[in-house]
Amino acid sequence: MISRAQAAQRRWRDVGLTERSDIVERAYAALEQQSGTLAVELAWQMGRPVRHGAGEVARAAERARHMLGLAEVSTCEMLIGPQRSIRWEPVGVVLVVAPWNYPYLTATNAIVPALVSGNAVILKHSFQTAIVAERIAAAFDAAGLPSDLFQVLHCSNATTLETIARPEFGRIVFTGSVAVGRLVAAAAAANFTPVTLELGGKDAAYVCEDADIDQAIEGLADGAFFNSGQSCCGIERIYVARSCFDRFVEGMAEQARALRLGNPLDPLVTLGPMARSEGADFVRRQVADAVAAGARRVLGDRGSAVPDRGNYLSPDILIDVDHRMSLMRAETFGPVVGVVPVASDTEAEDLINDSPYGLTASVWTVNGNRARRIGDRLNVGTVYQNRCDFLDPALPWSGRGESGAGLSLSHLAYESFNHPKSRLGWSPPTAAKPTSLNVVT
C-alpha cells in the first residue's frame, strides 16, 4: 500500500495545481450530491440525527472549496530577493487518522491541502465510521484521481501504531484522545516524522453581565448539546457573572428541555444517542461523582420518551460545581455542562486558564474591547466573541497544552504538507511571486 502510494505521488507532484484542484473539487461536489444518503449512514454509524447529518457533508464541501482557494498563494514559489527564493515541495505520503465525531469535516481538514500540495494520502478512519472512508475514496475515484493516490486503511489500533512507526511517511495527522495522541507521537518520533495532533478539549465560555443573555443562552446551549456534546470544541464549562447567573441557568434549562431525544432516523429528533455506550457510561459516572461531591442537577431526573440508558443520554446542567470535580477538569464529551457564577473578569480568566487543555474559549459581551482584552489573556488557540463551537477555514485551528500540537485550516495548513527548499544563485521561474517580507540585498 505505502509503496504504491509513493509511486503514485512521484507522478502526482508533477501534475499542475489547476488539475489537482479540479479533481478535488469534483470529488467534494459528488459527496455533496449524496448528502441525504450520507446523513442516514451517519445516523446508523454514530447516532447523529438525520436532520443534522447532511449539514456536515455540506460544510465539508464548503471547507474544501475554501482550502482550494488558498492553494495557489500557499504553494507558489516565493521570491525573497535577487536570485533568492523559497520553493515548496510536497512531503510525500501523508497518513491521516480521523475520528468518528465529525468524520467528513475532520478528514477534509487534512485531505484537501495534502492532495492539492502534491502528496498521496492514506486515510485510516475510526472503525465507528469506516464507511465514511469508503465514501470519500469512491468520490475521488469518480472524480478521476489517479490510482493509489488516495487509499483507505482498515486495521486495529495496534497495527495503526505500527504503521505510524514506519519511515515512509512525510507527516502523520491524528485527531482523537490525549492518551492515544501520546502513543501516536511516540511512534512517529522513532523516525522524526512530523505530526499534527488535535486532541482533547474542555472548552469554556464566560458570560459577562453586559452580554445579550438570550443570545448567550441560545448559542451556548447549542455549543453544549449539539451532536450530543461529542465535539472537540463543544462547551463543557460556563462561567457567568453573578448578576445574571439565575436567569442564564433558567434559560439553559429551557433550551435543554426543548431538545427531543430519540431515534436519530426520526427527522423530528434533535438529540440522538451517543456513539458509544462506554462514552455514555463515563459521562454518567462523572455526573454521579460531581453530585456526590455537592453538585446539583438543574434538570433533575426529568424523564424522556426514550429511556435514559445505554447510548441514550439526556442533556444535563450542573451547578454548585468547582474545579476539584472531574466534571470541570476532565473532558466529558457528552451533553453535560457545569455552570459557575463569577464576580469579575479576572476570576473568569483564571478559571478558564485552570485547565490542561487550551482549544477554544468564548466571551459573551457587547463590548468588543472588553472581549479582546479578556481573550488576549486566555491560553487557547481560538477565542470567540458572542459565538462558540465553530471553525472558520480562513483561520488556523490549533490547540495548546493537551489539546494538541500543530494546526489545520487557513493558508498556514499548507506548510504542514510541504517542505521549504531554499534556492540561491539563479532566478526563479516567472510563476514565483514576491512576498511582503523585507528584501535584504
Protein backbone atom coordinates (compact mmCIF):
# COMPACT_ATOMS: atom_id res chain seq x y z
CA MET A 1 0.00 0.00 0.00
CA ILE A 2 2.65 2.54 1.01
CA SER A 3 4.97 1.71 -1.86
CA ARG A 4 2.09 2.14 -4.31
CA ALA A 5 1.27 5.49 -2.72
CA GLN A 6 4.90 6.57 -3.09
CA ALA A 7 4.98 5.66 -6.77
CA ALA A 8 1.69 7.46 -7.42
CA GLN A 9 2.87 10.53 -5.53
CA ARG A 10 6.01 10.85 -7.64
CA ARG A 11 3.78 11.21 -10.70
CA TRP A 12 1.17 13.40 -8.99
CA ARG A 13 3.66 16.02 -7.84
CA ASP A 14 4.30 16.88 -11.49
CA VAL A 15 0.61 17.44 -12.23
CA GLY A 16 -0.36 21.10 -12.38
CA LEU A 17 -2.09 22.77 -9.47
CA THR A 18 -5.20 23.55 -11.52
CA GLU A 19 -5.72 19.92 -12.47
CA ARG A 20 -5.18 18.73 -8.90
CA SER A 21 -7.67 21.29 -7.61
CA ASP A 22 -10.27 20.41 -10.23
CA ILE A 23 -10.20 16.75 -9.24
CA VAL A 24 -10.60 17.54 -5.55
CA GLU A 25 -13.44 19.94 -6.35
CA ARG A 26 -15.28 17.26 -8.34
CA ALA A 27 -14.89 14.74 -5.53
CA TYR A 28 -16.47 17.02 -2.95
CA ALA A 29 -19.22 18.02 -5.34
CA ALA A 30 -20.05 14.32 -5.67
CA LEU A 31 -20.16 13.90 -1.88
CA GLU A 32 -22.39 16.93 -1.54
CA GLN A 33 -24.85 15.48 -4.05
CA GLN A 34 -25.18 12.39 -1.83
CA SER A 35 -25.63 14.32 1.43
CA GLY A 36 -29.10 12.92 2.14
CA THR A 37 -27.94 9.33 1.85
CA LEU A 38 -24.75 10.04 3.77
CA ALA A 39 -26.79 11.64 6.59
CA VAL A 40 -28.71 8.40 7.05
CA GLU A 41 -25.44 6.44 7.11
CA LEU A 42 -24.08 8.78 9.79
CA ALA A 43 -27.18 8.20 11.90
CA TRP A 44 -26.57 4.46 11.74
CA GLN A 45 -22.84 4.74 12.37
CA MET A 46 -22.59 7.27 15.19
CA GLY A 47 -26.10 8.35 16.13
CA ARG A 48 -26.32 11.89 14.78
CA PRO A 49 -29.91 12.84 13.89
CA VAL A 50 -30.61 12.77 10.16
CA ARG A 51 -31.76 16.38 10.31
CA HIS A 52 -28.16 17.36 11.11
CA GLY A 53 -26.07 14.87 9.12
CA ALA A 54 -26.42 16.47 5.69
CA GLY A 55 -25.13 19.72 7.14
CA GLU A 56 -21.77 18.18 7.94
CA VAL A 57 -21.32 16.97 4.37
CA ALA A 58 -22.24 20.41 3.02
CA ARG A 59 -19.80 22.13 5.38
CA ALA A 60 -17.06 19.68 4.38
CA ALA A 61 -17.59 20.63 0.72
CA GLU A 62 -17.60 24.32 1.61
CA ARG A 63 -14.42 23.93 3.64
CA ALA A 64 -12.74 22.02 0.80
CA ARG A 65 -13.53 24.81 -1.64
CA HIS A 66 -12.15 27.43 0.70
CA MET A 67 -8.90 25.50 1.10
CA LEU A 68 -8.68 25.08 -2.67
CA GLY A 69 -8.96 28.84 -3.00
CA LEU A 70 -5.88 29.24 -0.80
CA ALA A 71 -3.76 26.71 -2.64
CA GLU A 72 -2.00 28.93 -5.18
CA VAL A 73 -0.82 31.59 -2.78
CA SER A 74 0.12 28.95 -0.22
CA THR A 75 2.21 26.73 -2.50
CA CYS A 76 3.77 29.06 -5.07
CA GLU A 77 7.48 29.72 -5.13
CA MET A 78 8.22 32.86 -3.14
CA LEU A 79 10.69 35.44 -4.38
CA ILE A 80 12.75 36.76 -1.47
CA GLY A 81 15.30 38.85 -3.35
CA PRO A 82 17.63 38.77 -6.37
CA GLN A 83 18.45 35.13 -7.13
CA ARG A 84 16.82 34.00 -3.87
CA SER A 85 13.54 32.18 -3.50
CA ILE A 86 11.72 29.57 -1.43
CA ARG A 87 10.17 26.63 -3.24
CA TRP A 88 7.56 24.43 -1.59
CA GLU A 89 7.81 20.69 -2.26
CA PRO A 90 5.29 18.02 -1.12
CA VAL A 91 6.32 15.88 1.85
CA GLY A 92 5.37 12.61 0.10
CA VAL A 93 2.83 10.27 1.70
CA VAL A 94 0.54 11.58 4.44
CA LEU A 95 -1.23 9.28 6.89
CA VAL A 96 -4.50 10.74 8.21
CA VAL A 97 -6.02 9.07 11.27
CA ALA A 98 -9.53 10.52 11.53
CA PRO A 99 -12.18 10.36 14.30
CA TRP A 100 -15.86 9.44 14.24
CA ASN A 101 -17.49 12.55 15.74
CA TYR A 102 -17.27 14.72 12.60
CA PRO A 103 -15.94 12.14 10.17
CA TYR A 104 -16.22 14.15 6.95
CA LEU A 105 -15.11 17.52 8.30
CA THR A 106 -12.08 16.34 10.26
CA ALA A 107 -10.78 14.22 7.40
CA THR A 108 -11.25 17.09 4.96
CA ASN A 109 -9.01 19.36 7.05
CA ALA A 110 -6.00 17.24 6.08
CA ILE A 111 -7.01 15.51 2.86
CA VAL A 112 -7.55 18.64 0.79
CA PRO A 113 -4.32 20.56 1.46
CA ALA A 114 -2.31 17.35 1.39
CA LEU A 115 -3.56 16.22 -2.04
CA VAL A 116 -3.55 19.67 -3.59
CA SER A 117 0.04 20.16 -2.44
CA GLY A 118 1.06 17.09 -4.44
CA ASN A 119 1.06 14.41 -1.76
CA ALA A 120 -0.52 10.97 -1.59
CA VAL A 121 -2.94 10.30 1.29
CA ILE A 122 -3.70 7.14 3.24
CA LEU A 123 -6.82 7.52 5.38
CA LYS A 124 -7.30 5.39 8.49
CA HIS A 125 -10.77 6.22 9.79
CA SER A 126 -12.28 5.23 13.10
CA PHE A 127 -13.91 1.80 12.98
CA GLN A 128 -17.10 3.58 14.09
CA THR A 129 -17.28 5.47 10.78
CA ALA A 130 -15.31 3.21 8.47
CA ILE A 131 -17.92 3.63 5.73
CA VAL A 132 -17.08 7.33 5.56
CA ALA A 133 -13.57 6.50 4.39
CA GLU A 134 -15.00 4.30 1.65
CA ARG A 135 -17.41 7.04 0.54
CA ILE A 136 -14.58 9.58 0.27
CA ALA A 137 -12.45 7.10 -1.68
CA ALA A 138 -15.32 6.40 -4.09
CA ALA A 139 -15.81 10.14 -4.64
CA PHE A 140 -12.15 10.61 -5.52
CA ASP A 141 -12.25 7.62 -7.83
CA ALA A 142 -15.30 9.03 -9.62
CA ALA A 143 -13.60 12.43 -9.87
CA GLY A 144 -10.67 10.91 -11.77
CA LEU A 145 -7.98 10.92 -9.09
CA PRO A 146 -5.13 8.67 -10.28
CA SER A 147 -4.98 5.22 -8.72
CA ASP A 148 -3.21 4.72 -5.38
CA LEU A 149 -3.02 8.44 -4.57
CA PHE A 150 -5.82 8.10 -2.04
CA GLN A 151 -6.07 4.81 -0.19
CA VAL A 152 -8.08 3.58 2.76
CA LEU A 153 -6.58 1.59 5.61
CA HIS A 154 -8.77 -0.55 7.87
CA CYS A 155 -6.86 -2.07 10.78
CA SER A 156 -6.61 -2.36 14.55
CA ASN A 157 -5.22 0.35 16.81
CA ALA A 158 -2.10 -1.72 17.37
CA THR A 159 -1.50 -2.08 13.64
CA THR A 160 -2.13 1.64 13.18
CA LEU A 161 0.65 2.45 15.65
CA GLU A 162 2.98 0.00 13.91
CA THR A 163 2.18 1.73 10.61
CA ILE A 164 2.84 5.18 12.08
CA ALA A 165 6.27 3.97 13.20
CA ARG A 166 7.29 3.23 9.61
CA PRO A 167 9.77 5.64 7.99
CA GLU A 168 7.97 6.23 4.68
CA PHE A 169 5.53 8.92 5.82
CA GLY A 170 6.09 12.63 5.37
CA ARG A 171 3.52 13.58 8.00
CA ILE A 172 1.05 11.97 10.39
CA VAL A 173 -2.24 13.74 11.12
CA PHE A 174 -4.15 12.40 14.12
CA THR A 175 -7.40 13.55 15.70
CA GLY A 176 -8.50 11.79 18.86
CA SER A 177 -7.88 11.40 22.56
CA VAL A 178 -4.91 12.66 24.53
CA ALA A 179 -3.94 9.15 25.60
CA VAL A 180 -3.78 7.85 22.04
CA GLY A 181 -2.17 11.09 20.88
CA ARG A 182 0.77 10.37 23.16
CA LEU A 183 1.15 6.91 21.61
CA VAL A 184 0.99 8.39 18.12
CA ALA A 185 3.64 10.98 18.93
CA ALA A 186 5.92 8.33 20.41
CA ALA A 187 5.53 6.02 17.42
CA ALA A 188 6.24 8.82 14.94
CA ALA A 189 9.25 10.01 16.92
CA ALA A 190 11.16 6.84 16.02
CA ASN A 191 11.73 8.33 12.55
CA PHE A 192 11.32 12.01 13.44
CA THR A 193 8.13 12.00 11.37
CA PRO A 194 6.32 15.30 11.95
CA VAL A 195 2.87 15.01 13.49
CA THR A 196 -0.23 17.16 13.69
CA LEU A 197 -2.27 16.33 16.77
CA GLU A 198 -5.80 17.55 17.50
CA LEU A 199 -6.61 16.09 20.89
CA GLY A 200 -8.92 16.82 23.80
CA GLY A 201 -10.73 19.89 24.98
CA LYS A 202 -12.55 21.30 27.99
CA ASP A 203 -13.80 24.40 26.26
CA ALA A 204 -15.13 27.24 28.35
CA ALA A 205 -17.39 30.26 27.99
CA TYR A 206 -17.63 33.44 30.01
CA VAL A 207 -20.94 35.32 30.06
CA CYS A 208 -20.38 38.91 31.18
CA GLU A 209 -23.03 41.00 32.94
CA ASP A 210 -23.42 43.17 29.81
CA ALA A 211 -24.00 40.22 27.46
CA ASP A 212 -27.11 39.73 25.40
CA ILE A 213 -28.31 36.95 27.70
CA ASP A 214 -30.85 35.48 25.30
CA GLN A 215 -28.19 35.26 22.58
CA ALA A 216 -25.74 33.68 25.02
CA ILE A 217 -28.29 31.12 26.20
CA GLU A 218 -29.19 30.04 22.68
CA GLY A 219 -25.60 29.92 21.46
CA LEU A 220 -24.16 28.11 24.45
CA ALA A 221 -26.98 25.56 24.65
CA ASP A 222 -26.23 24.66 21.05
CA GLY A 223 -22.49 24.58 21.80
CA ALA A 224 -23.01 22.27 24.77
CA PHE A 225 -25.63 19.85 23.44
CA PHE A 226 -25.28 19.67 19.65
CA ASN A 227 -24.06 16.27 18.44
CA SER A 228 -24.81 15.01 21.97
CA GLY A 229 -21.86 17.07 23.19
CA GLN A 230 -19.43 14.98 21.15
CA SER A 231 -17.42 17.87 19.76
CA CYS A 232 -13.78 18.67 20.40
CA CYS A 233 -14.71 22.33 20.81
CA GLY A 234 -18.08 21.72 22.49
CA ILE A 235 -18.86 23.86 25.53
CA GLU A 236 -18.27 21.89 28.74
CA ARG A 237 -17.99 24.65 31.37
CA ILE A 238 -19.56 28.08 31.61
CA TYR A 239 -18.69 30.96 33.93
CA VAL A 240 -21.44 33.56 34.37
CA ALA A 241 -21.47 36.96 36.03
CA ARG A 242 -23.33 36.63 39.35
CA SER A 243 -25.87 39.31 38.44
CA CYS A 244 -27.30 37.24 35.58
CA PHE A 245 -26.47 33.73 36.80
CA ASP A 246 -30.00 32.65 37.77
CA ARG A 247 -31.54 33.96 34.56
CA PHE A 248 -28.88 32.26 32.47
CA VAL A 249 -29.28 28.87 34.18
CA GLU A 250 -33.06 29.05 33.83
CA GLY A 251 -32.74 29.82 30.12
CA MET A 252 -30.26 26.99 29.56
CA ALA A 253 -32.67 24.61 31.27
CA GLU A 254 -35.46 25.70 28.94
CA GLN A 255 -33.25 25.05 25.91
CA ALA A 256 -32.31 21.60 27.21
CA ARG A 257 -35.94 20.65 27.91
CA ALA A 258 -36.85 21.60 24.34
CA LEU A 259 -34.47 19.01 22.88
CA ARG A 260 -36.04 15.81 21.63
CA LEU A 261 -34.00 12.73 22.50
CA GLY A 262 -34.72 9.71 20.35
CA ASN A 263 -34.07 7.57 17.30
CA PRO A 264 -31.69 9.55 15.05
CA LEU A 265 -33.55 8.30 11.96
CA ASP A 266 -36.62 10.28 13.09
CA PRO A 267 -36.49 13.69 11.33
CA LEU A 268 -38.11 15.33 14.39
CA VAL A 269 -35.36 14.18 16.77
CA THR A 270 -32.82 16.85 17.74
CA LEU A 271 -30.65 14.81 20.14
CA GLY A 272 -29.52 11.35 19.19
CA PRO A 273 -27.76 8.63 21.16
CA MET A 274 -24.09 8.89 21.95
CA ALA A 275 -21.86 6.98 19.56
CA ARG A 276 -20.51 4.59 22.18
CA SER A 277 -22.07 3.11 25.28
CA GLU A 278 -18.78 3.34 27.17
CA GLY A 279 -18.74 7.08 26.46
CA ALA A 280 -22.25 7.47 27.84
CA ASP A 281 -21.33 5.43 30.92
CA PHE A 282 -18.29 7.64 31.51
CA VAL A 283 -20.49 10.75 31.44
CA ARG A 284 -22.92 9.17 33.92
CA ARG A 285 -20.08 8.36 36.30
CA GLN A 286 -18.66 11.86 36.00
CA VAL A 287 -22.07 13.38 36.81
CA ALA A 288 -22.63 10.97 39.72
CA ASP A 289 -19.21 11.81 41.19
CA ALA A 290 -19.95 15.54 40.93
CA VAL A 291 -23.33 15.13 42.64
CA ALA A 292 -21.72 13.08 45.40
CA ALA A 293 -19.26 15.95 45.89
CA GLY A 294 -22.07 18.53 46.24
CA ALA A 295 -23.12 19.47 42.70
CA ARG A 296 -26.80 19.88 41.82
CA ARG A 297 -28.53 18.78 38.62
CA VAL A 298 -30.70 21.64 37.40
CA LEU A 299 -32.94 19.41 35.28
CA GLY A 300 -33.16 16.58 37.76
CA ASP A 301 -34.45 13.21 36.62
CA ARG A 302 -36.83 14.68 34.08
CA GLY A 303 -37.52 11.50 32.16
CA SER A 304 -37.79 11.13 28.40
CA ALA A 305 -39.83 9.44 25.71
CA VAL A 306 -36.67 7.37 25.20
CA PRO A 307 -35.27 5.69 28.33
CA ASP A 308 -32.09 7.37 29.54
CA ARG A 309 -29.95 4.27 29.37
CA GLY A 310 -27.40 2.62 27.12
CA ASN A 311 -26.24 5.07 24.47
CA TYR A 312 -29.19 7.41 25.07
CA LEU A 313 -28.26 10.20 27.45
CA SER A 314 -30.45 13.17 28.36
CA PRO A 315 -28.82 16.61 28.49
CA ASP A 316 -27.68 17.77 31.91
CA ILE A 317 -26.79 21.10 33.55
CA LEU A 318 -24.96 21.11 36.87
CA ILE A 319 -24.46 23.98 39.33
CA ASP A 320 -22.59 24.17 42.64
CA VAL A 321 -19.63 22.71 40.80
CA ASP A 322 -15.95 23.52 41.27
CA HIS A 323 -12.56 22.62 39.87
CA ARG A 324 -11.99 19.82 42.35
CA MET A 325 -14.50 17.80 40.35
CA SER A 326 -13.63 15.74 37.29
CA LEU A 327 -16.67 17.28 35.60
CA MET A 328 -14.86 20.62 35.49
CA ARG A 329 -11.38 19.29 34.75
CA ALA A 330 -11.52 16.18 32.55
CA GLU A 331 -13.02 16.10 29.09
CA THR A 332 -16.67 14.96 29.23
CA PHE A 333 -17.53 14.59 25.54
CA GLY A 334 -21.24 14.33 26.27
CA PRO A 335 -24.35 16.53 26.61
CA VAL A 336 -23.43 17.86 30.05
CA VAL A 337 -22.23 21.29 31.16
CA GLY A 338 -21.23 22.79 34.50
CA VAL A 339 -22.15 26.42 35.25
CA VAL A 340 -20.33 28.59 37.81
CA PRO A 341 -21.05 32.16 39.00
CA VAL A 342 -18.07 34.57 38.99
CA ALA A 343 -17.50 38.01 40.47
CA SER A 344 -15.10 39.52 37.93
CA ASP A 345 -13.34 39.20 34.60
CA THR A 346 -10.16 38.22 36.41
CA GLU A 347 -11.87 35.36 38.23
CA ALA A 348 -13.33 34.09 34.95
CA GLU A 349 -9.96 34.32 33.20
CA ASP A 350 -8.22 32.40 35.99
CA LEU A 351 -10.84 29.64 35.95
CA ILE A 352 -10.78 29.28 32.16
CA ASN A 353 -6.98 29.03 32.23
CA ASP A 354 -7.11 26.49 35.09
CA SER A 355 -7.14 23.57 32.67
CA PRO A 356 -4.64 21.27 30.99
CA TYR A 357 -6.47 21.94 27.71
CA GLY A 358 -6.41 25.01 25.50
CA LEU A 359 -8.51 24.63 22.38
CA THR A 360 -11.16 27.39 22.38
CA ALA A 361 -12.95 29.80 24.69
CA SER A 362 -15.80 32.22 24.09
CA VAL A 363 -16.52 35.60 25.67
CA TRP A 364 -20.08 36.93 25.64
CA THR A 365 -20.23 40.70 25.90
CA VAL A 366 -21.44 43.62 23.80
CA ASN A 367 -18.12 45.39 24.41
CA GLY A 368 -15.59 44.46 21.71
CA ASN A 369 -12.65 45.99 23.57
CA ARG A 370 -13.53 44.02 26.67
CA ALA A 371 -13.79 40.79 24.71
CA ARG A 372 -10.43 41.45 23.08
CA ARG A 373 -8.76 42.25 26.41
CA ILE A 374 -10.12 39.09 28.06
CA GLY A 375 -9.37 36.95 25.02
CA ASP A 376 -5.75 38.06 24.97
CA ARG A 377 -5.34 36.62 28.47
CA LEU A 378 -6.76 33.19 27.68
CA ASN A 379 -4.39 30.34 26.91
CA VAL A 380 -6.30 28.88 23.97
CA GLY A 381 -5.82 28.53 20.24
CA THR A 382 -9.12 30.21 19.29
CA VAL A 383 -11.17 32.80 21.14
CA TYR A 384 -14.67 33.89 20.11
CA GLN A 385 -16.87 36.85 20.90
CA ASN A 386 -20.59 36.03 21.12
CA ARG A 387 -20.32 32.64 19.43
CA CYS A 388 -18.77 29.24 20.04
CA ASP A 389 -18.21 25.77 18.60
CA PHE A 390 -17.34 26.99 15.11
CA LEU A 391 -14.40 26.62 12.74
CA ASP A 392 -13.58 29.28 10.17
CA PRO A 393 -11.44 27.72 7.41
CA ALA A 394 -9.74 31.08 6.84
CA LEU A 395 -8.24 30.87 10.35
CA PRO A 396 -5.77 28.33 11.74
CA TRP A 397 -7.22 25.69 14.05
CA SER A 398 -4.77 24.82 16.81
CA GLY A 399 -4.65 23.79 20.43
CA ARG A 400 -2.40 24.39 23.39
CA GLY A 401 -1.37 22.09 26.19
CA GLU A 402 -3.13 18.74 25.98
CA SER A 403 -5.35 19.98 23.16
CA GLY A 404 -2.60 19.11 20.72
CA ALA A 405 0.22 20.34 18.53
CA GLY A 406 0.41 21.75 15.04
CA LEU A 407 -2.54 23.20 13.17
CA SER A 408 -5.05 22.75 10.39
CA LEU A 409 -7.02 25.10 8.13
CA SER A 410 -6.06 28.52 6.72
CA HIS A 411 -3.12 29.12 4.39
CA LEU A 412 -0.81 28.09 7.24
CA ALA A 413 -2.03 24.48 7.00
CA TYR A 414 -0.26 24.08 3.66
CA GLU A 415 3.08 24.43 5.41
CA SER A 416 2.36 21.13 7.17
CA PHE A 417 2.25 19.29 3.85
CA ASN A 418 5.21 20.93 2.13
CA HIS A 419 8.95 21.12 2.68
CA PRO A 420 10.57 24.51 2.06
CA LYS A 421 13.55 24.41 -0.28
CA SER A 422 15.79 27.46 -0.43
CA ARG A 423 17.18 28.43 -3.83
CA LEU A 424 20.18 30.70 -4.18
CA GLY A 425 22.16 31.75 -7.20
CA TRP A 426 19.64 31.66 -10.04
CA SER A 427 16.46 33.41 -10.98
CA PRO A 428 13.18 31.69 -10.07
CA PRO A 429 10.57 30.90 -12.71
CA THR A 430 8.17 33.62 -13.73
CA ALA A 431 5.45 31.95 -11.64
CA ALA A 432 7.28 32.97 -8.48
CA LYS A 433 5.58 35.76 -6.59
CA PRO A 434 7.14 38.38 -4.34
CA THR A 435 6.25 38.30 -0.68
CA SER A 436 5.58 41.07 1.76
CA LEU A 437 8.84 40.24 3.52
CA ASN A 438 11.52 42.89 3.71
CA VAL A 439 14.01 42.22 0.96
CA VAL A 440 17.63 42.06 2.06
CA THR A 441 20.10 42.62 -0.75
